[in-house]
Amino acid sequence: MPTYIYKCIECNHIFEAIHSYKDRLTDCEECNKENTLKKQLNTPIYLVNKTQNIKKKAGDLVKEEIRNKKEELEQQKEDLKTRNNKK
């Protein structure tokens, strides 16, 4: 079942809920108000094609993604430094 993120418009309580796409939560359990929950946008889960031959473990994939993001951030920092030095 999919995971949904909800936010109460009264108390700003945010939480995740797992339920069928047909269901919808409306009442906040935090502040006990009715019809105050709004579904929030969340990141979709990408399914991998089962025909692909994946030899990497999940932990290795996470480490690789973290390394890639760190490299991107370092590049962005360098670009900002360069841009600030030109001014």
C-alpha atoms as a PDB file:
ATOM      1  CA  MET A   1       0.000   0.000   0.000  1.00  0.00           C
ATOM      2  CA  PRO A   2       1.172   3.543  -0.676  1.00  0.00           C
ATOM      3  CA  THR A   3       2.440   5.936   1.965  1.00  0.00           C
ATOM      4  CA  TYR A   4       0.812   9.352   2.183  1.00  0.00           C
ATOM      5  CA  ILE A   5       1.898  12.478   4.031  1.00  0.00           C
ATOM      6  CA  TYR A   6      -0.783  14.553   5.724  1.00  0.00           C
ATOM      7  CA  LYS A   7      -0.677  18.002   7.328  1.00  0.00           C
ATOM      8  CA  CYS A   8      -3.273  19.507   9.630  1.00  0.00           C
ATOM      9  CA  ILE A   9      -4.221  23.036   8.600  1.00  0.00           C
ATOM     10  CA  GLU A  10      -5.108  23.900  12.213  1.00  0.00           C
ATOM     11  CA  CYS A  11      -2.123  22.676  14.278  1.00  0.00           C
ATOM     12  CA  ASN A  12       0.438  22.037  11.456  1.00  0.00           C
ATOM     13  CA  HIS A  13       0.923  18.444  12.625  1.00  0.00           C
ATOM     14  CA  ILE A  14       2.595  16.403   9.857  1.00  0.00           C
ATOM     15  CA  PHE A  15       2.560  12.610   9.710  1.00  0.00           C
ATOM     16  CA  GLU A  16       2.715   9.657   7.351  1.00  0.00           C
ATOM     17  CA  ALA A  17      -0.092   7.170   6.849  1.00  0.00           C
ATOM     18  CA  ILE A  18      -0.193   3.917   4.939  1.00  0.00           C
ATOM     19  CA  HIS A  19      -3.532   3.104   3.368  1.00  0.00           C
ATOM     20  CA  SER A  20      -5.274   2.272   0.128  1.00  0.00           C
ATOM     21  CA  TYR A  21      -5.460   4.974  -2.517  1.00  0.00           C
ATOM     22  CA  LYS A  22      -9.243   4.846  -2.126  1.00  0.00           C
ATOM     23  CA  ASP A  23      -9.067   5.884   1.547  1.00  0.00           C
ATOM     24  CA  ARG A  24      -8.520   9.428   2.761  1.00  0.00           C
ATOM     25  CA  LEU A  25      -7.907  10.730   6.261  1.00  0.00           C
ATOM     26  CA  THR A  26      -9.750  13.897   7.270  1.00  0.00           C
ATOM     27  CA  ASP A  27      -9.581  14.276  11.069  1.00  0.00           C
ATOM     28  CA  CYS A  28      -6.444  15.255  12.984  1.00  0.00           C
ATOM     29  CA  GLU A  29      -5.622  12.978  15.896  1.00  0.00           C
ATOM     30  CA  GLU A  30      -3.253  15.603  17.338  1.00  0.00           C
ATOM     31  CA  CYS A  31      -5.704  18.486  17.821  1.00  0.00           C
ATOM     32  CA  ASN A  32      -8.917  16.386  17.445  1.00  0.00           C
ATOM     33  CA  LYS A  33     -10.386  18.715  14.814  1.00  0.00           C
ATOM     34  CA  GLU A  34     -12.488  17.382  11.968  1.00  0.00           C
ATOM     35  CA  ASN A  35     -11.847  17.910   8.252  1.00  0.00           C
ATOM     36  CA  THR A  36      -8.486  19.645   8.781  1.00  0.00           C
ATOM     37  CA  LEU A  37      -6.094  17.221   7.055  1.00  0.00           C
ATOM     38  CA  LYS A  38      -4.629  17.912   3.641  1.00  0.00           C
ATOM     39  CA  LYS A  39      -2.606  15.425   1.629  1.00  0.00           C
ATOM     40  CA  GLN A  40       0.901  16.691   0.896  1.00  0.00           C
ATOM     41  CA  LEU A  41       3.021  15.993  -2.141  1.00  0.00           C
ATOM     42  CA  ASN A  42       5.642  13.357  -1.526  1.00  0.00           C
ATOM     43  CA  THR A  43       8.398  11.716  -3.513  1.00  0.00           C
ATOM     44  CA  PRO A  44       7.218   8.797  -5.618  1.00  0.00           C
ATOM     45  CA  ILE A  45       8.890   5.428  -5.337  1.00  0.00           C
ATOM     46  CA  TYR A  46      10.554   4.362  -8.548  1.00  0.00           C
ATOM     47  CA  LEU A  47      10.250   0.691  -9.321  1.00  0.00           C
ATOM     48  CA  VAL A  48      13.184  -1.057 -10.913  1.00  0.00           C
ATOM     49  CA  ASN A  49      12.562  -3.207 -13.932  1.00  0.00           C
ATOM     50  CA  LYS A  50      12.828  -6.814 -12.703  1.00  0.00           C
ATOM     51  CA  THR A  51      14.599  -7.863 -15.880  1.00  0.00           C
ATOM     52  CA  GLN A  52      17.601  -5.719 -14.967  1.00  0.00           C
ATOM     53  CA  ASN A  53      20.485  -7.570 -13.420  1.00  0.00           C
ATOM     54  CA  ILE A  54      21.174  -5.625 -10.226  1.00  0.00           C
ATOM     55  CA  LYS A  55      24.302  -6.743  -8.402  1.00  0.00           C
ATOM     56  CA  LYS A  56      24.587  -3.846  -5.947  1.00  0.00           C
ATOM     57  CA  LYS A  57      23.197  -3.961  -2.432  1.00  0.00           C
ATOM     58  CA  ALA A  58      20.799  -1.263  -1.252  1.00  0.00           C
ATOM     59  CA  GLY A  59      23.371   0.125   1.192  1.00  0.00           C
ATOM     60  CA  ASP A  60      25.922   0.442  -1.607  1.00  0.00           C
ATOM     61  CA  LEU A  61      23.407   2.298  -3.770  1.00  0.00           C
ATOM     62  CA  VAL A  62      22.669   4.719  -0.921  1.00  0.00           C
ATOM     63  CA  LYS A  63      26.376   5.341  -0.294  1.00  0.00           C
ATOM     64  CA  GLU A  64      26.919   5.950  -4.006  1.00  0.00           C
ATOM     65  CA  GLU A  65      24.026   8.421  -4.142  1.00  0.00           C
ATOM     66  CA  ILE A  66      25.338  10.273  -1.073  1.00  0.00           C
ATOM     67  CA  ARG A  67      28.796  10.467  -2.647  1.00  0.00           C
ATOM     68  CA  ASN A  68      27.301  11.822  -5.891  1.00  0.00           C
ATOM     69  CA  LYS A  69      25.292  14.471  -4.040  1.00  0.00           C
ATOM     70  CA  LYS A  70      28.355  15.552  -2.058  1.00  0.00           C
ATOM     71  CA  GLU A  71      30.276  15.964  -5.307  1.00  0.00           C
ATOM     72  CA  GLU A  72      27.446  18.035  -6.766  1.00  0.00           C
ATOM     73  CA  LEU A  73      27.396  20.259  -3.665  1.00  0.00           C
ATOM     74  CA  GLU A  74      31.151  20.766  -3.817  1.00  0.00           C
ATOM     75  CA  GLN A  75      30.875  21.757  -7.475  1.00  0.00           C
ATOM     76  CA  GLN A  76      28.084  24.212  -6.645  1.00  0.00           C
ATOM     77  CA  LYS A  77      30.224  25.707  -3.859  1.00  0.00           C
ATOM     78  CA  GLU A  78      33.129  26.170  -6.257  1.00  0.00           C
ATOM     79  CA  ASP A  79      30.827  27.784  -8.821  1.00  0.00           C
ATOM     80  CA  LEU A  80      29.524  30.214  -6.199  1.00  0.00           C
ATOM     81  CA  LYS A  81      33.050  31.077  -5.070  1.00  0.00           C
ATOM     82  CA  THR A  82      34.072  31.712  -8.659  1.00  0.00           C
ATOM     83  CA  ARG A  83      31.012  33.819  -9.301  1.00  0.00           C
ATOM     84  CA  ASN A  84      31.562  35.871  -6.103  1.00  0.00           C
ATOM     85  CA  ASN A  85      35.246  36.424  -6.927  1.00  0.00           C
ATOM     86  CA  LYS A  86      34.356  37.825 -10.352  1.00  0.00           C
ATOM     87  CA  LYS A  87      32.166  40.501  -8.755  1.00  0.00           C
END
